[in-house]
Amino acid sequence: MKENKIAVIGLSGESIFMKMDHFNQEGETVIADTYHVEYGGKGFNQCVAAHKAGANVKMNKKMGKDDFANVALNIMNELNMPQDYIFKTDMTSTGIALILVNDETGQNEIVIVPGACNQ
């Protein structure tokens, strides 16, 4: 039986989620109700999900030489995921996202800094 292989190329980085009762208007400061931080990104999440499902998957990614990269590598180590195609650069940072979530409607606003993913 031939083994299927999956290569994932996509964004990954630290995500900061903030929940609030409404989004701010221009010039307005809004106080968020809660926040949490987790590592993710569509590419990274797909890679982890495929790996957990038993696929032979490799993440193809560039990240900075920073704490956010270390979080990703620690997760991959804990899951025993291969890191053959993970590249690090000191030219820019690992990606980061700010995700604002309206607690009442579930609507979100996302701003990303792709960082090394764009290189």
N, C-alpha and C. Protein backbone atom coordinates (compact mmCIF):
# COMPACT_ATOMS: atom_id res chain seq x y z
N MET A 1 0.84 -1.18 0.00
CA MET A 1 0.00 0.00 0.00
C MET A 1 0.89 1.24 0.00
N LYS A 2 0.60 2.16 -0.88
CA LYS A 2 1.39 3.38 -1.01
C LYS A 2 0.97 4.38 0.08
N GLU A 3 1.98 4.96 0.76
CA GLU A 3 1.70 5.92 1.82
C GLU A 3 1.49 7.31 1.23
N ASN A 4 0.40 7.95 1.62
CA ASN A 4 0.15 9.32 1.17
C ASN A 4 0.96 10.30 2.00
N LYS A 5 1.51 11.30 1.34
CA LYS A 5 2.28 12.33 2.01
C LYS A 5 1.61 13.67 1.79
N ILE A 6 1.64 14.50 2.81
CA ILE A 6 1.02 15.82 2.73
C ILE A 6 2.06 16.86 3.08
N ALA A 7 2.13 17.90 2.27
CA ALA A 7 2.98 19.05 2.57
C ALA A 7 2.07 20.25 2.81
N VAL A 8 2.28 20.94 3.91
CA VAL A 8 1.47 22.10 4.25
C VAL A 8 2.34 23.35 4.15
N ILE A 9 1.88 24.29 3.34
CA ILE A 9 2.54 25.59 3.23
C ILE A 9 1.49 26.62 3.61
N GLY A 10 1.72 27.30 4.69
CA GLY A 10 0.71 28.27 5.11
C GLY A 10 1.15 29.07 6.31
N LEU A 11 0.33 30.02 6.66
CA LEU A 11 0.64 30.91 7.77
C LEU A 11 0.61 30.18 9.10
N SER A 12 1.49 30.61 9.95
CA SER A 12 1.45 30.19 11.34
C SER A 12 2.05 31.30 12.18
N GLY A 13 1.62 31.36 13.39
CA GLY A 13 2.14 32.38 14.29
C GLY A 13 1.34 32.44 15.57
N GLU A 14 1.77 33.30 16.44
CA GLU A 14 1.09 33.50 17.71
C GLU A 14 -0.20 34.27 17.46
N SER A 15 -1.29 33.86 18.11
CA SER A 15 -2.57 34.55 17.97
C SER A 15 -3.00 35.09 19.32
N ILE A 16 -3.37 36.35 19.34
CA ILE A 16 -3.89 36.98 20.55
C ILE A 16 -5.37 37.25 20.31
N PHE A 17 -6.22 36.60 21.09
CA PHE A 17 -7.67 36.74 20.97
C PHE A 17 -8.17 37.67 22.07
N MET A 18 -8.98 38.63 21.70
CA MET A 18 -9.61 39.52 22.68
C MET A 18 -11.11 39.54 22.43
N LYS A 19 -11.89 39.34 23.52
CA LYS A 19 -13.35 39.38 23.42
C LYS A 19 -13.85 40.68 24.03
N MET A 20 -14.77 41.32 23.31
CA MET A 20 -15.33 42.58 23.77
C MET A 20 -16.81 42.65 23.42
N ASP A 21 -17.53 43.58 24.03
CA ASP A 21 -18.97 43.65 23.75
C ASP A 21 -19.29 44.42 22.48
N HIS A 22 -18.33 45.21 21.97
CA HIS A 22 -18.52 45.88 20.68
C HIS A 22 -17.15 46.27 20.13
N PHE A 23 -17.09 46.45 18.82
CA PHE A 23 -15.86 46.92 18.18
C PHE A 23 -15.75 48.42 18.33
N ASN A 24 -14.53 48.90 18.39
CA ASN A 24 -14.33 50.34 18.56
C ASN A 24 -14.61 51.11 17.28
N GLN A 25 -15.05 52.33 17.48
CA GLN A 25 -15.21 53.29 16.40
C GLN A 25 -13.91 54.08 16.31
N GLU A 26 -13.74 54.82 15.25
CA GLU A 26 -12.51 55.60 15.07
C GLU A 26 -12.25 56.47 16.29
N GLY A 27 -11.05 56.34 16.86
CA GLY A 27 -10.64 57.13 18.00
C GLY A 27 -11.12 56.62 19.35
N GLU A 28 -11.95 55.58 19.35
CA GLU A 28 -12.51 55.04 20.60
C GLU A 28 -11.61 53.94 21.16
N THR A 29 -11.45 53.94 22.46
CA THR A 29 -10.75 52.85 23.14
C THR A 29 -11.81 51.95 23.76
N VAL A 30 -11.71 50.66 23.48
CA VAL A 30 -12.66 49.69 24.02
C VAL A 30 -11.90 48.78 24.98
N ILE A 31 -12.53 48.50 26.11
CA ILE A 31 -11.94 47.57 27.07
C ILE A 31 -12.45 46.18 26.77
N ALA A 32 -11.52 45.25 26.54
CA ALA A 32 -11.89 43.87 26.25
C ALA A 32 -12.29 43.17 27.54
N ASP A 33 -13.20 42.19 27.42
CA ASP A 33 -13.65 41.41 28.57
C ASP A 33 -12.60 40.38 28.97
N THR A 34 -12.04 39.68 27.98
CA THR A 34 -11.05 38.63 28.21
C THR A 34 -10.07 38.59 27.07
N TYR A 35 -8.96 37.89 27.29
CA TYR A 35 -8.03 37.61 26.21
C TYR A 35 -7.36 36.27 26.48
N HIS A 36 -6.89 35.65 25.43
CA HIS A 36 -6.02 34.48 25.56
C HIS A 36 -5.08 34.43 24.36
N VAL A 37 -3.98 33.74 24.56
CA VAL A 37 -2.93 33.66 23.55
C VAL A 37 -2.73 32.19 23.21
N GLU A 38 -2.64 31.90 21.93
CA GLU A 38 -2.35 30.52 21.50
C GLU A 38 -1.60 30.55 20.18
N TYR A 39 -0.88 29.49 19.92
CA TYR A 39 -0.18 29.39 18.65
C TYR A 39 -1.13 28.77 17.64
N GLY A 40 -1.12 29.28 16.43
CA GLY A 40 -2.02 28.75 15.42
C GLY A 40 -1.71 29.29 14.04
N GLY A 41 -2.75 29.64 13.34
CA GLY A 41 -2.65 30.03 11.94
C GLY A 41 -3.23 28.90 11.11
N LYS A 42 -3.83 29.25 9.99
CA LYS A 42 -4.50 28.23 9.17
C LYS A 42 -3.55 27.11 8.74
N GLY A 43 -2.36 27.46 8.30
CA GLY A 43 -1.41 26.42 7.86
C GLY A 43 -0.98 25.53 9.00
N PHE A 44 -0.61 26.13 10.12
CA PHE A 44 -0.15 25.35 11.27
C PHE A 44 -1.26 24.46 11.80
N ASN A 45 -2.47 25.01 11.92
CA ASN A 45 -3.60 24.21 12.44
C ASN A 45 -3.92 23.03 11.52
N GLN A 46 -3.85 23.24 10.21
CA GLN A 46 -4.10 22.14 9.27
C GLN A 46 -3.03 21.06 9.39
N CYS A 47 -1.79 21.50 9.55
CA CYS A 47 -0.68 20.55 9.68
C CYS A 47 -0.85 19.70 10.94
N VAL A 48 -1.16 20.34 12.06
CA VAL A 48 -1.35 19.61 13.31
C VAL A 48 -2.53 18.65 13.20
N ALA A 49 -3.64 19.12 12.62
CA ALA A 49 -4.82 18.25 12.48
C ALA A 49 -4.52 17.04 11.61
N ALA A 50 -3.82 17.23 10.50
CA ALA A 50 -3.49 16.10 9.62
C ALA A 50 -2.56 15.13 10.33
N HIS A 51 -1.61 15.66 11.08
CA HIS A 51 -0.68 14.81 11.83
C HIS A 51 -1.44 13.98 12.87
N LYS A 52 -2.34 14.63 13.61
CA LYS A 52 -3.11 13.92 14.64
C LYS A 52 -4.03 12.86 14.02
N ALA A 53 -4.43 13.07 12.76
CA ALA A 53 -5.27 12.10 12.06
C ALA A 53 -4.45 10.94 11.49
N GLY A 54 -3.12 11.00 11.67
CA GLY A 54 -2.28 9.89 11.23
C GLY A 54 -1.59 10.07 9.90
N ALA A 55 -1.72 11.25 9.30
CA ALA A 55 -1.10 11.49 7.99
C ALA A 55 0.40 11.71 8.14
N ASN A 56 1.12 11.39 7.09
CA ASN A 56 2.54 11.69 6.99
C ASN A 56 2.63 13.12 6.45
N VAL A 57 2.73 14.07 7.37
CA VAL A 57 2.62 15.48 6.99
C VAL A 57 3.89 16.23 7.36
N LYS A 58 4.25 17.18 6.52
CA LYS A 58 5.41 18.03 6.77
C LYS A 58 4.98 19.48 6.63
N MET A 59 5.36 20.28 7.60
CA MET A 59 5.09 21.72 7.57
C MET A 59 6.26 22.39 6.88
N ASN A 60 5.97 23.17 5.85
CA ASN A 60 6.99 23.95 5.14
C ASN A 60 6.82 25.39 5.57
N LYS A 61 7.76 25.90 6.34
CA LYS A 61 7.55 27.19 6.96
C LYS A 61 8.85 27.88 7.30
N LYS A 62 8.81 29.20 7.22
CA LYS A 62 9.90 30.02 7.72
C LYS A 62 9.37 30.81 8.90
N MET A 63 10.18 30.89 9.94
CA MET A 63 9.80 31.66 11.12
C MET A 63 11.00 32.44 11.61
N GLY A 64 10.75 33.39 12.47
CA GLY A 64 11.82 34.18 13.03
C GLY A 64 12.58 33.40 14.10
N LYS A 65 13.62 33.99 14.59
CA LYS A 65 14.38 33.41 15.71
C LYS A 65 13.92 34.12 16.97
N ASP A 66 12.71 33.78 17.42
CA ASP A 66 12.11 34.48 18.55
C ASP A 66 11.30 33.51 19.40
N ASP A 67 10.70 34.03 20.45
CA ASP A 67 9.93 33.19 21.37
C ASP A 67 8.72 32.56 20.69
N PHE A 68 8.10 33.26 19.75
CA PHE A 68 6.95 32.69 19.05
C PHE A 68 7.35 31.44 18.27
N ALA A 69 8.51 31.47 17.65
CA ALA A 69 9.01 30.29 16.94
C ALA A 69 9.23 29.15 17.92
N ASN A 70 9.78 29.47 19.08
CA ASN A 70 10.02 28.43 20.08
C ASN A 70 8.73 27.77 20.55
N VAL A 71 7.65 28.53 20.64
CA VAL A 71 6.35 27.96 21.01
C VAL A 71 5.93 26.92 19.96
N ALA A 72 6.04 27.29 18.68
CA ALA A 72 5.66 26.36 17.61
C ALA A 72 6.52 25.11 17.64
N LEU A 73 7.81 25.27 17.80
CA LEU A 73 8.71 24.11 17.81
C LEU A 73 8.45 23.22 19.02
N ASN A 74 8.11 23.82 20.16
CA ASN A 74 7.77 23.01 21.34
C ASN A 74 6.51 22.19 21.10
N ILE A 75 5.51 22.80 20.47
CA ILE A 75 4.28 22.07 20.14
C ILE A 75 4.60 20.91 19.21
N MET A 76 5.40 21.19 18.19
CA MET A 76 5.75 20.14 17.23
C MET A 76 6.56 19.04 17.90
N ASN A 77 7.44 19.39 18.82
CA ASN A 77 8.21 18.37 19.56
C ASN A 77 7.28 17.51 20.41
N GLU A 78 6.35 18.15 21.12
CA GLU A 78 5.41 17.40 21.97
C GLU A 78 4.58 16.42 21.15
N LEU A 79 4.24 16.79 19.92
CA LEU A 79 3.43 15.93 19.05
C LEU A 79 4.28 15.00 18.20
N ASN A 80 5.61 15.07 18.37
CA ASN A 80 6.53 14.25 17.58
C ASN A 80 6.35 14.48 16.08
N MET A 81 6.24 15.74 15.71
CA MET A 81 6.07 16.12 14.31
C MET A 81 7.44 16.42 13.70
N PRO A 82 7.64 16.03 12.44
CA PRO A 82 8.92 16.33 11.77
C PRO A 82 9.10 17.83 11.55
N GLN A 83 10.35 18.26 11.59
CA GLN A 83 10.66 19.67 11.41
C GLN A 83 11.69 19.87 10.29
N ASP A 84 11.71 18.93 9.35
CA ASP A 84 12.70 18.96 8.27
C ASP A 84 12.64 20.22 7.42
N TYR A 85 11.46 20.79 7.26
CA TYR A 85 11.28 21.93 6.37
C TYR A 85 10.89 23.20 7.12
N ILE A 86 11.33 23.30 8.37
CA ILE A 86 11.15 24.52 9.15
C ILE A 86 12.46 25.30 9.05
N PHE A 87 12.37 26.50 8.59
CA PHE A 87 13.55 27.35 8.43
C PHE A 87 13.42 28.57 9.32
N LYS A 88 14.53 29.02 9.90
CA LYS A 88 14.52 30.19 10.77
C LYS A 88 15.35 31.31 10.16
N THR A 89 14.90 32.54 10.39
CA THR A 89 15.62 33.71 9.90
C THR A 89 15.72 34.74 11.01
N ASP A 90 16.79 35.51 11.00
CA ASP A 90 16.88 36.62 11.93
C ASP A 90 16.56 37.94 11.23
N MET A 91 16.07 37.86 10.00
CA MET A 91 15.74 39.06 9.22
C MET A 91 14.38 39.65 9.62
N THR A 92 13.50 38.83 10.18
CA THR A 92 12.17 39.29 10.58
C THR A 92 11.61 38.34 11.64
N SER A 93 10.48 38.69 12.18
CA SER A 93 9.88 37.90 13.27
C SER A 93 8.95 36.81 12.74
N THR A 94 8.59 35.92 13.63
CA THR A 94 7.54 34.95 13.36
C THR A 94 6.22 35.72 13.30
N GLY A 95 5.26 35.21 12.56
CA GLY A 95 3.99 35.90 12.39
C GLY A 95 3.21 36.04 13.69
N ILE A 96 2.32 37.01 13.69
CA ILE A 96 1.44 37.25 14.83
C ILE A 96 0.10 37.76 14.32
N ALA A 97 -0.96 37.44 15.05
CA ALA A 97 -2.30 37.90 14.68
C ALA A 97 -3.01 38.45 15.90
N LEU A 98 -3.75 39.52 15.69
CA LEU A 98 -4.65 40.06 16.71
C LEU A 98 -6.06 39.77 16.23
N ILE A 99 -6.81 39.03 17.03
CA ILE A 99 -8.16 38.62 16.65
C ILE A 99 -9.13 39.20 17.67
N LEU A 100 -9.94 40.14 17.20
CA LEU A 100 -10.95 40.77 18.05
C LEU A 100 -12.27 40.06 17.80
N VAL A 101 -12.95 39.67 18.87
CA VAL A 101 -14.20 38.92 18.75
C VAL A 101 -15.29 39.65 19.51
N ASN A 102 -16.39 39.94 18.80
CA ASN A 102 -17.56 40.54 19.45
C ASN A 102 -18.25 39.43 20.23
N ASP A 103 -18.28 39.57 21.54
CA ASP A 103 -18.80 38.53 22.42
C ASP A 103 -20.29 38.25 22.19
N GLU A 104 -21.03 39.25 21.74
CA GLU A 104 -22.47 39.08 21.54
C GLU A 104 -22.81 38.44 20.20
N THR A 105 -22.11 38.84 19.13
CA THR A 105 -22.46 38.36 17.79
C THR A 105 -21.52 37.27 17.26
N GLY A 106 -20.32 37.16 17.84
CA GLY A 106 -19.33 36.21 17.35
C GLY A 106 -18.54 36.73 16.15
N GLN A 107 -18.93 37.90 15.63
CA GLN A 107 -18.20 38.50 14.51
C GLN A 107 -16.77 38.76 14.95
N ASN A 108 -15.83 38.62 14.00
CA ASN A 108 -14.45 38.89 14.36
C ASN A 108 -13.79 39.84 13.38
N GLU A 109 -12.72 40.45 13.86
CA GLU A 109 -11.85 41.27 13.03
C GLU A 109 -10.44 40.77 13.27
N ILE A 110 -9.71 40.51 12.20
CA ILE A 110 -8.39 39.90 12.31
C ILE A 110 -7.36 40.79 11.60
N VAL A 111 -6.27 41.04 12.29
CA VAL A 111 -5.15 41.77 11.70
C VAL A 111 -3.93 40.87 11.89
N ILE A 112 -3.20 40.63 10.80
CA ILE A 112 -2.01 39.77 10.90
C ILE A 112 -0.76 40.52 10.46
N VAL A 113 0.34 40.14 11.05
CA VAL A 113 1.67 40.51 10.59
C VAL A 113 2.30 39.19 10.17
N PRO A 114 2.38 38.87 8.87
CA PRO A 114 2.88 37.57 8.43
C PRO A 114 4.33 37.30 8.84
N GLY A 115 5.11 38.36 8.99
CA GLY A 115 6.51 38.17 9.37
C GLY A 115 7.26 37.28 8.39
N ALA A 116 7.95 36.29 8.92
CA ALA A 116 8.79 35.40 8.10
C ALA A 116 7.98 34.60 7.09
N CYS A 117 6.68 34.43 7.30
CA CYS A 117 5.85 33.70 6.34
C CYS A 117 5.86 34.37 4.97
N ASN A 118 6.14 35.66 4.94
CA ASN A 118 6.15 36.38 3.66
C ASN A 118 7.48 36.28 2.93
N GLN A 119 8.47 35.64 3.53
CA GLN A 119 9.77 35.54 2.89
C GLN A 119 9.92 34.24 2.13
